[in-house]
Protein backbone atom coordinates (compact mmCIF):
# COMPACT_ATOMS: atom_id res chain seq x y z
CA UNK A 1 -192.32 -58.90 87.11
CA UNK A 2 -189.59 -56.56 88.37
CA UNK A 3 -190.28 -53.84 90.93
CA UNK A 4 -190.73 -50.31 89.59
CA UNK A 5 -187.50 -49.19 91.30
CA UNK A 6 -185.55 -51.58 89.07
CA UNK A 7 -187.49 -50.56 85.96
CA UNK A 8 -186.62 -46.87 86.47
CA UNK A 9 -182.96 -47.28 87.39
CA UNK A 10 -180.38 -44.97 85.82
CA UNK A 11 -178.77 -47.90 84.04
CA UNK A 12 -182.01 -48.71 82.20
CA UNK A 13 -182.64 -45.05 81.36
CA UNK A 14 -179.14 -44.55 79.97
CA UNK A 15 -179.24 -47.77 77.93
CA UNK A 16 -182.64 -46.88 76.46
CA UNK A 17 -181.47 -43.32 75.69
CA UNK A 18 -178.57 -44.74 73.67
CA UNK A 19 -181.05 -46.46 71.33
CA UNK A 20 -182.81 -43.20 70.37
CA UNK A 21 -182.20 -41.86 66.88
CA UNK A 22 -182.21 -38.30 65.56
CA UNK A 23 -185.96 -38.24 64.91
CA UNK A 24 -186.69 -39.21 68.52
CA UNK A 25 -184.48 -36.40 69.78
CA UNK A 26 -186.22 -33.96 67.42
CA UNK A 27 -189.63 -34.99 68.77
CA UNK A 28 -188.36 -34.72 72.34
CA UNK A 29 -186.93 -31.24 71.67
CA UNK A 30 -190.22 -30.14 70.10
CA UNK A 31 -192.20 -31.36 73.11
CA UNK A 32 -189.87 -29.57 75.54
CA UNK A 33 -190.18 -26.36 73.49
CA UNK A 34 -193.98 -26.71 73.52
CA UNK A 35 -193.92 -27.17 77.30
CA UNK A 36 -191.79 -24.05 77.78
CA UNK A 37 -194.07 -22.03 75.47
CA UNK A 38 -197.19 -23.23 77.31
CA UNK A 39 -195.71 -22.32 80.70
CA UNK A 40 -194.72 -18.85 79.40
CA UNK A 41 -198.23 -18.17 78.03
CA UNK A 42 -199.81 -19.41 81.27
CA UNK A 43 -197.52 -17.15 83.31
CA UNK A 44 -198.35 -14.11 81.16
CA UNK A 45 -202.06 -14.84 81.45
CA UNK A 46 -201.78 -15.23 85.21
CA UNK A 47 -200.08 -11.84 85.56
CA UNK A 48 -202.46 -10.04 83.15
CA UNK A 49 -205.51 -11.37 85.02
CA UNK A 50 -204.34 -10.09 88.41
CA UNK A 51 -206.98 -7.98 90.13
CA UNK A 52 -209.94 -9.14 88.03
CA UNK A 53 -213.06 -10.54 89.63
CA UNK A 54 -214.93 -13.65 88.59
CA UNK A 55 -218.71 -13.17 88.40
CA UNK A 56 -220.98 -15.62 90.27
CA UNK A 57 -221.94 -17.23 86.96
CA UNK A 58 -218.29 -18.10 86.41
CA UNK A 59 -218.14 -19.96 89.70
CA UNK A 60 -221.36 -21.80 88.87
CA UNK A 61 -219.94 -22.81 85.47
CA UNK A 62 -216.70 -23.93 87.11
CA UNK A 63 -218.51 -26.08 89.68
CA UNK A 64 -220.82 -27.55 87.00
CA UNK A 65 -217.85 -28.40 84.77
CA UNK A 66 -215.95 -30.10 87.59
CA UNK A 67 -218.99 -32.11 88.67
CA UNK A 68 -219.77 -33.15 85.08
CA UNK A 69 -216.15 -34.23 84.54
CA UNK A 70 -216.19 -36.25 87.74
CA UNK A 71 -219.50 -37.85 86.76
CA UNK A 72 -218.16 -38.86 83.34
CA UNK A 73 -214.92 -40.20 84.85
CA UNK A 74 -216.68 -42.23 87.54
CA UNK A 75 -219.20 -43.56 85.01
CA UNK A 76 -216.52 -44.67 82.57
CA UNK A 77 -214.49 -46.34 85.30
CA UNK A 78 -217.62 -48.14 86.51
CA UNK A 79 -218.19 -49.42 82.96
CA UNK A 80 -214.58 -50.63 82.78
CA UNK A 81 -214.95 -52.59 86.01
CA UNK A 82 -218.37 -53.94 84.99
CA UNK A 83 -217.13 -55.15 81.61
CA UNK A 84 -214.09 -56.75 83.21
CA UNK A 85 -216.15 -58.57 85.85
CA UNK A 86 -218.94 -59.59 83.45
CA UNK A 87 -216.53 -61.29 81.06
CA UNK A 88 -216.87 -58.87 78.16
CA UNK A 89 -213.09 -58.53 78.02
CA UNK A 90 -212.49 -62.22 77.33
CA UNK A 91 -210.72 -63.18 74.09
CA UNK A 92 -212.94 -63.78 71.09
CA UNK A 93 -213.78 -67.40 70.30
CA UNK A 94 -215.53 -68.71 67.23
CA UNK A 95 -218.85 -70.35 68.11
CA UNK A 96 -219.98 -72.77 65.42
CA UNK A 97 -223.74 -73.52 65.34
CA UNK A 98 -224.75 -77.16 65.84
CA UNK A 99 -225.93 -77.57 62.22
CA UNK A 100 -222.49 -76.63 60.82
CA UNK A 101 -220.34 -78.70 63.19
CA UNK A 102 -218.44 -81.53 61.52
CA UNK A 103 -219.66 -84.98 62.42
CA UNK A 104 -217.43 -87.05 64.67
């Protein structure tokens, strides 16, 4: 396995960019346009909301949402580690019952 510095070298980026076709460039241009639009809307919303106060219920909802998101994230990561350690991620193997095994 090569180090990440070799994987992200300019030579690799340029050679992989040469293999892109017109559809890939169209998707890339659409994503860049969507990013610019999102940043513009966020900036306008930030400036229009200047000077407004957040009620205490808003802070409570914000804290509850952050804690719930952290709880879900930690729980899912714990399940990933548990399933990996318990062997649930092993490849599937066919288990033939003893009655159906061919005789030797």
